[in-house]
Amino acid sequence: MDLADIIREEPDAVKKEKSKKSITIYDILNAMTYENKDLDFTDVGVKKAYDQYMVNRWLSMSEGLVFVAELLNTTHNLTDEQHFDLLKSILPNEKFYFKYIKRKKDVNLKEKRYIAHYFEIGIHDAEEYINHMTQDEIDDILNKYKYGHNQNVIV
Protein backbone atom coordinates (compact mmCIF):
# COMPACT_ATOMS: atom_id res chain seq x y z
CA MET A 1 0.00 0.00 0.00
CA ASP A 2 1.57 3.27 -1.08
CA LEU A 3 0.87 6.86 -0.03
CA ALA A 4 -1.72 7.43 -2.81
CA ASP A 5 -3.79 4.46 -1.57
CA ILE A 6 -3.69 5.74 2.00
CA ILE A 7 -4.88 9.19 0.90
CA ARG A 8 -7.71 7.71 -1.20
CA GLU A 9 -8.86 5.36 1.55
CA GLU A 10 -11.78 6.67 3.55
CA PRO A 11 -11.51 6.92 7.31
CA ASP A 12 -13.43 4.31 9.34
CA ALA A 13 -15.88 6.94 10.63
CA VAL A 14 -16.87 7.85 7.07
CA LYS A 15 -17.28 4.17 6.15
CA LYS A 16 -19.53 3.59 9.16
CA GLU A 17 -21.59 6.67 8.30
CA LYS A 18 -22.13 5.44 4.75
CA SER A 19 -23.03 1.92 5.88
CA LYS A 20 -25.70 3.18 8.30
CA LYS A 21 -29.20 2.43 7.15
CA SER A 22 -31.22 5.59 6.65
CA ILE A 23 -34.10 6.00 9.09
CA THR A 24 -37.66 5.89 7.77
CA ILE A 25 -41.01 7.07 9.08
CA TYR A 26 -41.73 3.46 10.09
CA ASP A 27 -38.58 3.37 12.22
CA ILE A 28 -39.67 6.59 13.93
CA LEU A 29 -43.18 5.28 14.62
CA ASN A 30 -41.84 1.99 15.97
CA ALA A 31 -39.33 3.81 18.17
CA MET A 32 -42.07 5.84 19.83
CA THR A 33 -44.53 2.96 20.27
CA TYR A 34 -43.44 -0.66 20.08
CA GLU A 35 -39.70 -0.34 20.76
CA ASN A 36 -40.01 2.61 23.18
CA LYS A 37 -36.48 3.78 22.48
CA ASP A 38 -34.95 7.22 22.18
CA LEU A 39 -33.78 8.72 18.92
CA ASP A 40 -30.54 10.64 18.61
CA PHE A 41 -31.67 14.03 17.32
CA THR A 42 -28.06 15.14 16.91
CA ASP A 43 -27.80 12.64 14.05
CA VAL A 44 -28.30 14.28 10.66
CA GLY A 45 -30.27 11.29 9.34
CA VAL A 46 -32.80 11.50 12.17
CA LYS A 47 -33.16 15.27 11.76
CA LYS A 48 -33.74 14.83 8.06
CA ALA A 49 -36.25 11.97 8.44
CA TYR A 50 -38.30 13.36 11.32
CA ASP A 51 -41.25 15.39 10.10
CA GLN A 52 -43.91 16.32 12.65
CA TYR A 53 -46.59 16.68 9.99
CA MET A 54 -45.98 13.19 8.60
CA VAL A 55 -45.86 11.61 12.06
CA ASN A 56 -49.19 13.26 12.91
CA ARG A 57 -50.63 12.14 9.58
CA TRP A 58 -49.63 8.53 10.17
CA LEU A 59 -51.03 8.64 13.71
CA SER A 60 -54.34 9.90 12.36
CA MET A 61 -54.63 6.71 10.27
CA SER A 62 -55.39 4.74 13.44
CA GLU A 63 -58.85 5.32 14.94
CA GLY A 64 -57.56 5.13 18.49
CA LEU A 65 -54.86 7.72 17.87
CA VAL A 66 -56.81 10.35 15.95
CA PHE A 67 -57.34 12.42 19.08
CA VAL A 68 -53.57 12.47 19.73
CA ALA A 69 -52.88 13.62 16.17
CA GLU A 70 -55.52 16.35 16.52
CA LEU A 71 -54.00 17.51 19.80
CA LEU A 72 -50.56 17.75 18.22
CA ASN A 73 -51.89 19.53 15.15
CA THR A 74 -53.10 22.32 17.40
CA THR A 75 -49.88 22.40 19.45
CA HIS A 76 -47.26 24.58 17.82
CA ASN A 77 -43.66 25.58 18.55
CA LEU A 78 -42.51 22.13 19.64
CA THR A 79 -39.07 21.02 18.56
CA ASP A 80 -38.84 17.64 16.86
CA GLU A 81 -37.30 16.14 19.98
CA GLN A 82 -40.07 17.53 22.21
CA HIS A 83 -42.68 16.24 19.75
CA PHE A 84 -41.11 12.78 19.79
CA ASP A 85 -40.77 12.69 23.60
CA LEU A 86 -44.37 13.79 24.07
CA LEU A 87 -45.66 11.07 21.75
CA LYS A 88 -43.41 8.46 23.31
CA SER A 89 -44.83 9.26 26.74
CA ILE A 90 -48.47 9.36 25.57
CA LEU A 91 -48.65 6.38 23.22
CA PRO A 92 -49.00 2.83 24.57
CA ASN A 93 -46.13 0.39 24.14
CA GLU A 94 -47.74 -1.86 21.59
CA LYS A 95 -47.38 -2.67 17.92
CA PHE A 96 -49.55 -0.52 15.69
CA TYR A 97 -50.33 -1.34 12.09
CA PHE A 98 -50.74 1.97 10.36
CA LYS A 99 -52.72 1.38 7.21
CA TYR A 100 -51.94 4.28 4.95
CA ILE A 101 -54.91 5.37 2.88
CA LYS A 102 -53.86 5.06 -0.73
CA ARG A 103 -55.24 7.02 -3.59
CA LYS A 104 -57.57 5.18 -5.90
CA LYS A 105 -56.56 4.37 -9.43
CA ASP A 106 -56.36 7.23 -11.86
CA VAL A 107 -59.51 7.76 -13.86
CA ASN A 108 -59.21 9.25 -17.32
CA LEU A 109 -60.57 12.70 -18.16
CA LYS A 110 -63.66 11.36 -19.94
CA GLU A 111 -64.67 9.33 -16.88
CA LYS A 112 -64.01 12.32 -14.60
CA ARG A 113 -66.35 14.39 -16.75
CA TYR A 114 -69.06 11.76 -16.45
CA ILE A 115 -68.70 11.76 -12.65
CA ALA A 116 -68.67 15.58 -12.59
CA HIS A 117 -71.85 15.69 -14.70
CA TYR A 118 -73.56 13.04 -12.57
CA PHE A 119 -72.95 14.98 -9.32
CA GLU A 120 -73.15 18.40 -11.03
CA ILE A 121 -69.70 19.43 -9.81
CA GLY A 122 -66.40 20.53 -11.35
CA ILE A 123 -63.65 18.24 -12.64
CA HIS A 124 -61.37 18.95 -9.68
CA ASP A 125 -64.14 18.08 -7.22
CA ALA A 126 -64.87 14.95 -9.23
CA GLU A 127 -61.34 13.71 -8.46
CA GLU A 128 -62.06 14.08 -4.73
CA TYR A 129 -65.36 12.25 -5.11
CA ILE A 130 -63.61 9.44 -6.97
CA ASN A 131 -61.06 9.09 -4.15
CA HIS A 132 -63.90 8.52 -1.67
CA MET A 133 -65.94 6.15 -3.82
CA THR A 134 -65.62 2.41 -4.20
CA GLN A 135 -64.83 0.99 -7.61
CA ASP A 136 -68.35 -0.47 -7.83
CA GLU A 137 -69.90 2.97 -7.29
CA ILE A 138 -67.68 4.47 -9.98
CA ASP A 139 -68.55 1.64 -12.38
CA ASP A 140 -72.29 2.08 -11.75
CA ILE A 141 -72.14 5.77 -12.67
CA LEU A 142 -69.97 5.15 -15.73
CA ASN A 143 -72.29 2.38 -16.92
CA LYS A 144 -75.23 4.81 -16.93
CA TYR A 145 -73.41 6.90 -19.51
CA LYS A 146 -71.84 3.97 -21.31
CA TYR A 147 -75.14 2.40 -22.31
CA GLY A 148 -76.68 5.58 -23.70
CA HIS A 149 -79.03 6.61 -20.93
CA ASN A 150 -77.54 10.09 -20.82
CA GLN A 151 -76.08 10.81 -24.24
CA ASN A 152 -76.25 14.60 -23.79
CA VAL A 153 -73.01 14.86 -21.78
CA ILE A 154 -70.26 16.75 -23.60
CA VAL A 155 -67.06 14.79 -23.26
C-alpha atoms as a PDB file:
ATOM      1  CA  MET A   1       0.000   0.000   0.000  1.00  0.00           C
ATOM      2  CA  ASP A   2       1.567   3.273  -1.080  1.00  0.00           C
ATOM      3  CA  LEU A   3       0.872   6.861  -0.031  1.00  0.00           C
ATOM      4  CA  ALA A   4      -1.716   7.431  -2.806  1.00  0.00           C
ATOM      5  CA  ASP A   5      -3.793   4.461  -1.570  1.00  0.00           C
ATOM      6  CA  ILE A   6      -3.692   5.741   1.999  1.00  0.00           C
ATOM      7  CA  ILE A   7      -4.882   9.186   0.897  1.00  0.00           C
ATOM      8  CA  ARG A   8      -7.709   7.709  -1.198  1.00  0.00           C
ATOM      9  CA  GLU A   9      -8.862   5.363   1.546  1.00  0.00           C
ATOM     10  CA  GLU A  10     -11.775   6.674   3.547  1.00  0.00           C
ATOM     11  CA  PRO A  11     -11.508   6.917   7.310  1.00  0.00           C
ATOM     12  CA  ASP A  12     -13.429   4.307   9.343  1.00  0.00           C
ATOM     13  CA  ALA A  13     -15.878   6.939  10.631  1.00  0.00           C
ATOM     14  CA  VAL A  14     -16.869   7.847   7.068  1.00  0.00           C
ATOM     15  CA  LYS A  15     -17.283   4.167   6.151  1.00  0.00           C
ATOM     16  CA  LYS A  16     -19.532   3.588   9.156  1.00  0.00           C
ATOM     17  CA  GLU A  17     -21.594   6.671   8.301  1.00  0.00           C
ATOM     18  CA  LYS A  18     -22.134   5.436   4.752  1.00  0.00           C
ATOM     19  CA  SER A  19     -23.026   1.923   5.879  1.00  0.00           C
ATOM     20  CA  LYS A  20     -25.699   3.179   8.302  1.00  0.00           C
ATOM     21  CA  LYS A  21     -29.196   2.428   7.149  1.00  0.00           C
ATOM     22  CA  SER A  22     -31.224   5.591   6.648  1.00  0.00           C
ATOM     23  CA  ILE A  23     -34.101   5.998   9.086  1.00  0.00           C
ATOM     24  CA  THR A  24     -37.659   5.892   7.766  1.00  0.00           C
ATOM     25  CA  ILE A  25     -41.010   7.066   9.082  1.00  0.00           C
ATOM     26  CA  TYR A  26     -41.732   3.459  10.090  1.00  0.00           C
ATOM     27  CA  ASP A  27     -38.585   3.368  12.215  1.00  0.00           C
ATOM     28  CA  ILE A  28     -39.668   6.590  13.934  1.00  0.00           C
ATOM     29  CA  LEU A  29     -43.178   5.280  14.620  1.00  0.00           C
ATOM     30  CA  ASN A  30     -41.840   1.989  15.968  1.00  0.00           C
ATOM     31  CA  ALA A  31     -39.327   3.809  18.168  1.00  0.00           C
ATOM     32  CA  MET A  32     -42.069   5.844  19.829  1.00  0.00           C
ATOM     33  CA  THR A  33     -44.530   2.962  20.269  1.00  0.00           C
ATOM     34  CA  TYR A  34     -43.438  -0.656  20.083  1.00  0.00           C
ATOM     35  CA  GLU A  35     -39.704  -0.341  20.755  1.00  0.00           C
ATOM     36  CA  ASN A  36     -40.013   2.608  23.178  1.00  0.00           C
ATOM     37  CA  LYS A  37     -36.480   3.778  22.479  1.00  0.00           C
ATOM     38  CA  ASP A  38     -34.946   7.218  22.175  1.00  0.00           C
ATOM     39  CA  LEU A  39     -33.777   8.724  18.919  1.00  0.00           C
ATOM     40  CA  ASP A  40     -30.539  10.641  18.606  1.00  0.00           C
ATOM     41  CA  PHE A  41     -31.672  14.031  17.316  1.00  0.00           C
ATOM     42  CA  THR A  42     -28.063  15.145  16.912  1.00  0.00           C
ATOM     43  CA  ASP A  43     -27.796  12.639  14.046  1.00  0.00           C
ATOM     44  CA  VAL A  44     -28.303  14.283  10.662  1.00  0.00           C
ATOM     45  CA  GLY A  45     -30.272  11.293   9.338  1.00  0.00           C
ATOM     46  CA  VAL A  46     -32.798  11.500  12.172  1.00  0.00           C
ATOM     47  CA  LYS A  47     -33.161  15.270  11.764  1.00  0.00           C
ATOM     48  CA  LYS A  48     -33.743  14.826   8.058  1.00  0.00           C
ATOM     49  CA  ALA A  49     -36.250  11.968   8.436  1.00  0.00           C
ATOM     50  CA  TYR A  50     -38.296  13.358  11.323  1.00  0.00           C
ATOM     51  CA  ASP A  51     -41.248  15.395  10.099  1.00  0.00           C
ATOM     52  CA  GLN A  52     -43.913  16.316  12.650  1.00  0.00           C
ATOM     53  CA  TYR A  53     -46.587  16.678   9.988  1.00  0.00           C
ATOM     54  CA  MET A  54     -45.977  13.193   8.595  1.00  0.00           C
ATOM     55  CA  VAL A  55     -45.862  11.606  12.058  1.00  0.00           C
ATOM     56  CA  ASN A  56     -49.194  13.257  12.910  1.00  0.00           C
ATOM     57  CA  ARG A  57     -50.628  12.144   9.584  1.00  0.00           C
ATOM     58  CA  TRP A  58     -49.631   8.526  10.171  1.00  0.00           C
ATOM     59  CA  LEU A  59     -51.028   8.638  13.705  1.00  0.00           C
ATOM     60  CA  SER A  60     -54.344   9.898  12.361  1.00  0.00           C
ATOM     61  CA  MET A  61     -54.631   6.713  10.267  1.00  0.00           C
ATOM     62  CA  SER A  62     -55.394   4.744  13.435  1.00  0.00           C
ATOM     63  CA  GLU A  63     -58.846   5.316  14.940  1.00  0.00           C
ATOM     64  CA  GLY A  64     -57.559   5.131  18.490  1.00  0.00           C
ATOM     65  CA  LEU A  65     -54.862   7.720  17.873  1.00  0.00           C
ATOM     66  CA  VAL A  66     -56.815  10.352  15.954  1.00  0.00           C
ATOM     67  CA  PHE A  67     -57.344  12.419  19.078  1.00  0.00           C
ATOM     68  CA  VAL A  68     -53.574  12.467  19.729  1.00  0.00           C
ATOM     69  CA  ALA A  69     -52.881  13.620  16.172  1.00  0.00           C
ATOM     70  CA  GLU A  70     -55.524  16.353  16.520  1.00  0.00           C
ATOM     71  CA  LEU A  71     -53.998  17.512  19.796  1.00  0.00           C
ATOM     72  CA  LEU A  72     -50.563  17.751  18.223  1.00  0.00           C
ATOM     73  CA  ASN A  73     -51.893  19.534  15.147  1.00  0.00           C
ATOM     74  CA  THR A  74     -53.100  22.324  17.403  1.00  0.00           C
ATOM     75  CA  THR A  75     -49.884  22.403  19.449  1.00  0.00           C
ATOM     76  CA  HIS A  76     -47.257  24.585  17.817  1.00  0.00           C
ATOM     77  CA  ASN A  77     -43.661  25.582  18.554  1.00  0.00           C
ATOM     78  CA  LEU A  78     -42.508  22.134  19.639  1.00  0.00           C
ATOM     79  CA  THR A  79     -39.069  21.017  18.559  1.00  0.00           C
ATOM     80  CA  ASP A  80     -38.840  17.641  16.863  1.00  0.00           C
ATOM     81  CA  GLU A  81     -37.296  16.144  19.982  1.00  0.00           C
ATOM     82  CA  GLN A  82     -40.072  17.528  22.205  1.00  0.00           C
ATOM     83  CA  HIS A  83     -42.680  16.244  19.746  1.00  0.00           C
ATOM     84  CA  PHE A  84     -41.109  12.779  19.790  1.00  0.00           C
ATOM     85  CA  ASP A  85     -40.765  12.688  23.596  1.00  0.00           C
ATOM     86  CA  LEU A  86     -44.374  13.786  24.075  1.00  0.00           C
ATOM     87  CA  LEU A  87     -45.661  11.071  21.749  1.00  0.00           C
ATOM     88  CA  LYS A  88     -43.414   8.464  23.308  1.00  0.00           C
ATOM     89  CA  SER A  89     -44.826   9.261  26.743  1.00  0.00           C
ATOM     90  CA  ILE A  90     -48.474   9.359  25.572  1.00  0.00           C
ATOM     91  CA  LEU A  91     -48.653   6.383  23.224  1.00  0.00           C
ATOM     92  CA  PRO A  92     -49.002   2.833  24.570  1.00  0.00           C
ATOM     93  CA  ASN A  93     -46.129   0.394  24.135  1.00  0.00           C
ATOM     94  CA  GLU A  94     -47.742  -1.858  21.588  1.00  0.00           C
ATOM     95  CA  LYS A  95     -47.384  -2.672  17.923  1.00  0.00           C
ATOM     96  CA  PHE A  96     -49.548  -0.517  15.688  1.00  0.00           C
ATOM     97  CA  TYR A  97     -50.326  -1.344  12.094  1.00  0.00           C
ATOM     98  CA  PHE A  98     -50.742   1.970  10.361  1.00  0.00           C
ATOM     99  CA  LYS A  99     -52.723   1.378   7.205  1.00  0.00           C
ATOM    100  CA  TYR A 100     -51.936   4.281   4.946  1.00  0.00           C
ATOM    101  CA  ILE A 101     -54.907   5.367   2.876  1.00  0.00           C
ATOM    102  CA  LYS A 102     -53.862   5.059  -0.730  1.00  0.00           C
ATOM    103  CA  ARG A 103     -55.243   7.019  -3.590  1.00  0.00           C
ATOM    104  CA  LYS A 104     -57.569   5.180  -5.903  1.00  0.00           C
ATOM    105  CA  LYS A 105     -56.557   4.371  -9.428  1.00  0.00           C
ATOM    106  CA  ASP A 106     -56.362   7.226 -11.859  1.00  0.00           C
ATOM    107  CA  VAL A 107     -59.506   7.762 -13.859  1.00  0.00           C
ATOM    108  CA  ASN A 108     -59.214   9.252 -17.319  1.00  0.00           C
ATOM    109  CA  LEU A 109     -60.574  12.696 -18.163  1.00  0.00           C
ATOM    110  CA  LYS A 110     -63.662  11.357 -19.940  1.00  0.00           C
ATOM    111  CA  GLU A 111     -64.673   9.335 -16.879  1.00  0.00           C
ATOM    112  CA  LYS A 112     -64.010  12.324 -14.602  1.00  0.00           C
ATOM    113  CA  ARG A 113     -66.345  14.393 -16.749  1.00  0.00           C
ATOM    114  CA  TYR A 114     -69.063  11.764 -16.449  1.00  0.00           C
ATOM    115  CA  ILE A 115     -68.700  11.756 -12.650  1.00  0.00           C
ATOM    116  CA  ALA A 116     -68.674  15.580 -12.592  1.00  0.00           C
ATOM    117  CA  HIS A 117     -71.849  15.689 -14.698  1.00  0.00           C
ATOM    118  CA  TYR A 118     -73.555  13.043 -12.570  1.00  0.00           C
ATOM    119  CA  PHE A 119     -72.955  14.976  -9.317  1.00  0.00           C
ATOM    120  CA  GLU A 120     -73.149  18.395 -11.025  1.00  0.00           C
ATOM    121  CA  ILE A 121     -69.703  19.435  -9.810  1.00  0.00           C
ATOM    122  CA  GLY A 122     -66.401  20.535 -11.351  1.00  0.00           C
ATOM    123  CA  ILE A 123     -63.652  18.239 -12.642  1.00  0.00           C
ATOM    124  CA  HIS A 124     -61.367  18.953  -9.677  1.00  0.00           C
ATOM    125  CA  ASP A 125     -64.136  18.080  -7.220  1.00  0.00           C
ATOM    126  CA  ALA A 126     -64.874  14.950  -9.233  1.00  0.00           C
ATOM    127  CA  GLU A 127     -61.344  13.707  -8.462  1.00  0.00           C
ATOM    128  CA  GLU A 128     -62.058  14.084  -4.734  1.00  0.00           C
ATOM    129  CA  TYR A 129     -65.361  12.254  -5.110  1.00  0.00           C
ATOM    130  CA  ILE A 130     -63.606   9.445  -6.974  1.00  0.00           C
ATOM    131  CA  ASN A 131     -61.064   9.088  -4.153  1.00  0.00           C
ATOM    132  CA  HIS A 132     -63.898   8.517  -1.673  1.00  0.00           C
ATOM    133  CA  MET A 133     -65.944   6.151  -3.823  1.00  0.00           C
ATOM    134  CA  THR A 134     -65.622   2.407  -4.204  1.00  0.00           C
ATOM    135  CA  GLN A 135     -64.829   0.995  -7.607  1.00  0.00           C
ATOM    136  CA  ASP A 136     -68.346  -0.470  -7.833  1.00  0.00           C
ATOM    137  CA  GLU A 137     -69.904   2.974  -7.287  1.00  0.00           C
ATOM    138  CA  ILE A 138     -67.680   4.469  -9.984  1.00  0.00           C
ATOM    139  CA  ASP A 139     -68.546   1.645 -12.384  1.00  0.00           C
ATOM    140  CA  ASP A 140     -72.295   2.079 -11.754  1.00  0.00           C
ATOM    141  CA  ILE A 141     -72.139   5.767 -12.671  1.00  0.00           C
ATOM    142  CA  LEU A 142     -69.967   5.154 -15.727  1.00  0.00           C
ATOM    143  CA  ASN A 143     -72.286   2.384 -16.919  1.00  0.00           C
ATOM    144  CA  LYS A 144     -75.228   4.806 -16.926  1.00  0.00           C
ATOM    145  CA  TYR A 145     -73.410   6.899 -19.514  1.00  0.00           C
ATOM    146  CA  LYS A 146     -71.838   3.972 -21.313  1.00  0.00           C
ATOM    147  CA  TYR A 147     -75.143   2.400 -22.310  1.00  0.00           C
ATOM    148  CA  GLY A 148     -76.681   5.579 -23.700  1.00  0.00           C
ATOM    149  CA  HIS A 149     -79.030   6.606 -20.934  1.00  0.00           C
ATOM    150  CA  ASN A 150     -77.544  10.094 -20.822  1.00  0.00           C
ATOM    151  CA  GLN A 151     -76.076  10.806 -24.240  1.00  0.00           C
ATOM    152  CA  ASN A 152     -76.250  14.595 -23.785  1.00  0.00           C
ATOM    153  CA  VAL A 153     -73.014  14.855 -21.784  1.00  0.00           C
ATOM    154  CA  ILE A 154     -70.255  16.746 -23.604  1.00  0.00           C
ATOM    155  CA  VAL A 155     -67.058  14.786 -23.259  1.00  0.00           C
END
